[in-house]
Structures are given as C-alpha cells and as structure tokens.
C-alpha cells in the first residue's frame, strides 16, 4: 500500500505544491491488501485528485492505512476542504453525479468515485465516504488483507 501511495503522491506533487497542501501519512507497515495493484493505484489517485480539488490553499490531507483485523486492510484519505451536503454525499457511489467545481475552478466528470466503487467491489472490498459541509471529506476503502 505504501509503495502505491508514495508513487501517487510523487505524481501529484506539483498539484499539492500549487495549492500549498500538506500531507500527513500514517500507513502501517503490515497494511498489505490482496488486490490488483493497478486497481488500487487508480482508486488512490482518484481519492487524491478529489482531495486536492476540494481543498483550500494551505490545506491538509491525512492519509492512513492499517490492518483492520487479520482479514482486511483499511485505507482512508481525509481532507479539510469544502465538504459536501448530506444529499450529495448519499449519491456519490450510486450513479454519475454532477461534478462540482473545485476551490480553484478545477473540473471533473462526476464518474470517478463510481468507477472507484466498481474497482474496489471487483476486488471483494467496500468503499464509503463521510463528509461535513465546510469541514472536509473522508474517502475510504477496505480490501481483503494480503499475507
């Protein structure tokens, strides 16, 4: 998990610097998932892209991964950006959503998280989000643990 995360953070370094966003990483060494690495990479990339898009300048993105039990690994990415209304949050993984504009007019398609849901569920995992308007969003997934 840490290798994928580090690669994606390096890939997004310019965008993070552009908005002066700090990342705080807490990934357990034993957070290893039994899943297709490319699928996990796509989901992590999408989570990061969304967090940057909806973070304000000088924001913070907290990324954590841990062994939930012997059976599963959890990964969460939390920003302190604009957040979402409950009615918007409830549609995130159900269908294409109308993509909101980012804090500096970044655009999107509204398909990203729906695609992420499909990738995670194909790996026998689950995906979810929590958000509070004006306080940020937390995107998470859980996958079977690798041994």
Protein backbone atom coordinates (compact mmCIF):
# COMPACT_ATOMS: atom_id res chain seq x y z
CA UNK A 1 0.00 0.00 0.00
CA UNK A 2 2.78 2.43 0.90
CA UNK A 3 4.56 1.96 -2.44
CA UNK A 4 1.40 2.79 -4.39
CA UNK A 5 0.71 5.79 -2.18
CA UNK A 6 4.25 7.15 -2.48
CA UNK A 7 4.15 6.81 -6.27
CA UNK A 8 0.84 8.67 -6.49
CA UNK A 9 1.99 11.41 -4.10
CA UNK A 10 5.07 11.92 -6.28
CA UNK A 11 2.84 12.05 -9.36
CA UNK A 12 0.61 14.70 -7.69
CA UNK A 13 3.46 16.70 -6.15
CA UNK A 14 3.02 19.73 -8.46
CA UNK A 15 -0.71 19.96 -7.75
CA UNK A 16 -0.10 19.71 -4.00
CA UNK A 17 2.56 22.46 -4.18
CA UNK A 18 0.32 24.63 -6.35
CA UNK A 19 -2.22 24.87 -3.51
CA UNK A 20 0.38 24.51 -0.74
CA UNK A 21 -1.33 21.40 0.61
CA UNK A 22 0.43 19.39 3.30
CA UNK A 23 0.09 15.62 3.56
CA UNK A 24 0.23 13.68 6.80
CA UNK A 25 0.79 9.95 6.27
CA UNK A 26 0.20 7.15 8.75
CA UNK A 27 0.42 3.85 6.89
CA UNK A 28 1.09 0.70 8.89
CA UNK A 29 3.87 -1.49 7.54
CA UNK A 30 1.51 -4.51 7.64
CA UNK A 31 -1.22 -2.73 5.62
CA UNK A 32 -0.95 -5.06 2.65
CA UNK A 33 -4.02 -5.81 0.57
CA UNK A 34 -4.73 -8.84 -1.56
CA UNK A 35 -5.83 -6.90 -4.65
CA UNK A 36 -4.79 -5.84 -8.13
CA UNK A 37 -2.17 -3.11 -7.55
CA UNK A 38 -3.25 -1.15 -10.63
CA UNK A 39 -6.87 -1.03 -9.43
CA UNK A 40 -5.72 0.19 -6.01
CA UNK A 41 -3.47 2.78 -7.67
CA UNK A 42 -6.38 4.15 -9.73
CA UNK A 43 -8.55 4.47 -6.61
CA UNK A 44 -5.79 6.14 -4.57
CA UNK A 45 -5.14 8.52 -7.48
CA UNK A 46 -8.82 9.41 -7.69
CA UNK A 47 -9.10 9.96 -3.93
CA UNK A 48 -6.02 12.23 -4.03
CA UNK A 49 -7.29 14.16 -7.05
CA UNK A 50 -10.62 14.81 -5.33
CA UNK A 51 -8.96 15.82 -2.05
CA UNK A 52 -6.70 18.32 -3.83
CA UNK A 53 -9.57 19.62 -5.96
CA UNK A 54 -11.79 20.38 -2.96
CA UNK A 55 -9.07 21.55 -0.56
CA UNK A 56 -8.40 25.22 0.02
CA UNK A 57 -4.92 26.69 -0.21
CA UNK A 58 -2.73 25.66 2.74
CA UNK A 59 -4.97 22.64 3.37
CA UNK A 60 -4.12 19.32 4.96
CA UNK A 61 -4.71 15.83 3.58
CA UNK A 62 -4.37 12.98 6.08
CA UNK A 63 -3.77 9.52 4.66
CA UNK A 64 -3.89 6.37 6.74
CA UNK A 65 -3.92 2.63 6.18
CA UNK A 66 -3.99 -0.13 8.74
CA UNK A 67 -4.64 -3.82 9.21
CA UNK A 68 -8.24 -3.88 10.40
CA UNK A 69 -8.07 -7.47 11.57
CA UNK A 70 -6.37 -10.50 10.06
CA UNK A 71 -8.92 -10.41 7.26
CA UNK A 72 -8.91 -6.84 5.93
CA UNK A 73 -6.94 -3.66 5.32
CA UNK A 74 -8.49 -0.19 5.53
CA UNK A 75 -7.33 2.91 3.68
CA UNK A 76 -8.69 6.41 4.35
CA UNK A 77 -7.85 9.78 2.86
CA UNK A 78 -9.24 12.81 4.69
CA UNK A 79 -9.13 16.43 3.59
CA UNK A 80 -10.15 19.59 5.43
CA UNK A 81 -11.69 21.15 2.35
CA UNK A 82 -15.17 22.32 1.41
CA UNK A 83 -17.04 19.09 2.27
CA UNK A 84 -20.44 18.03 0.91
CA UNK A 85 -24.09 18.34 1.74
CA UNK A 86 -25.65 15.05 3.01
CA UNK A 87 -27.93 14.76 -0.03
CA UNK A 88 -24.94 14.97 -2.39
CA UNK A 89 -22.90 12.54 -0.28
CA UNK A 90 -25.66 9.93 -0.49
CA UNK A 91 -25.43 9.86 -4.33
CA UNK A 92 -21.64 9.53 -4.65
CA UNK A 93 -21.44 5.79 -5.30
CA UNK A 94 -24.89 5.28 -6.82
CA UNK A 95 -24.68 6.94 -10.23
CA UNK A 96 -22.86 9.57 -12.21
CA UNK A 97 -23.04 12.79 -10.23
CA UNK A 98 -22.84 16.36 -11.39
CA UNK A 99 -19.20 17.21 -10.83
CA UNK A 100 -18.78 20.23 -8.59
CA UNK A 101 -16.13 22.80 -9.40
CA UNK A 102 -13.03 22.72 -7.19
CA UNK A 103 -11.82 25.52 -4.95
CA UNK A 104 -9.77 26.98 -7.82
CA UNK A 105 -12.23 26.13 -10.63
CA UNK A 106 -10.89 22.59 -11.23
CA UNK A 107 -13.36 20.47 -13.18
CA UNK A 108 -14.20 16.77 -13.36
CA UNK A 109 -16.57 14.30 -14.98
CA UNK A 110 -18.55 13.05 -11.98
CA UNK A 111 -17.62 9.45 -12.86
CA UNK A 112 -14.51 8.96 -10.72
CA UNK A 113 -15.96 7.63 -7.48
CA UNK A 114 -18.47 5.42 -9.29
CA UNK A 115 -15.56 3.88 -11.19
CA UNK A 116 -13.62 3.51 -7.90
CA UNK A 117 -16.59 1.67 -6.35
CA UNK A 118 -16.59 -0.78 -9.24
CA UNK A 119 -12.83 -1.40 -8.94
CA UNK A 120 -12.95 -1.93 -5.16
CA UNK A 121 -16.00 -4.22 -5.28
CA UNK A 122 -14.36 -6.33 -8.01
CA UNK A 123 -11.53 -6.90 -5.50
CA UNK A 124 -14.08 -8.10 -2.88
CA UNK A 125 -13.81 -4.81 -0.98
CA UNK A 126 -16.07 -1.99 0.09
CA UNK A 127 -15.89 1.77 -0.29
CA UNK A 128 -17.50 4.65 1.60
CA UNK A 129 -17.32 8.37 2.30
CA UNK A 130 -18.03 10.72 5.20
CA UNK A 131 -18.30 14.46 4.85
CA UNK A 132 -19.37 17.61 6.63
CA UNK A 133 -20.08 20.77 4.69
CA UNK A 134 -17.31 23.27 5.29
CA UNK A 135 -15.20 20.78 7.24
CA UNK A 136 -13.94 18.30 4.66
CA UNK A 137 -14.41 14.80 3.32
CA UNK A 138 -13.03 11.37 4.18
CA UNK A 139 -12.91 8.73 1.44
CA UNK A 140 -12.18 5.14 2.49
CA UNK A 141 -11.99 1.61 1.19
CA UNK A 142 -11.43 -1.78 2.75
CA UNK A 143 -9.88 -4.74 0.94
CA UNK A 144 -9.02 -8.32 1.88
CA UNK A 145 -5.66 -8.49 3.65
CA UNK A 146 -2.67 -9.99 1.86
CA UNK A 147 -0.48 -12.48 3.69
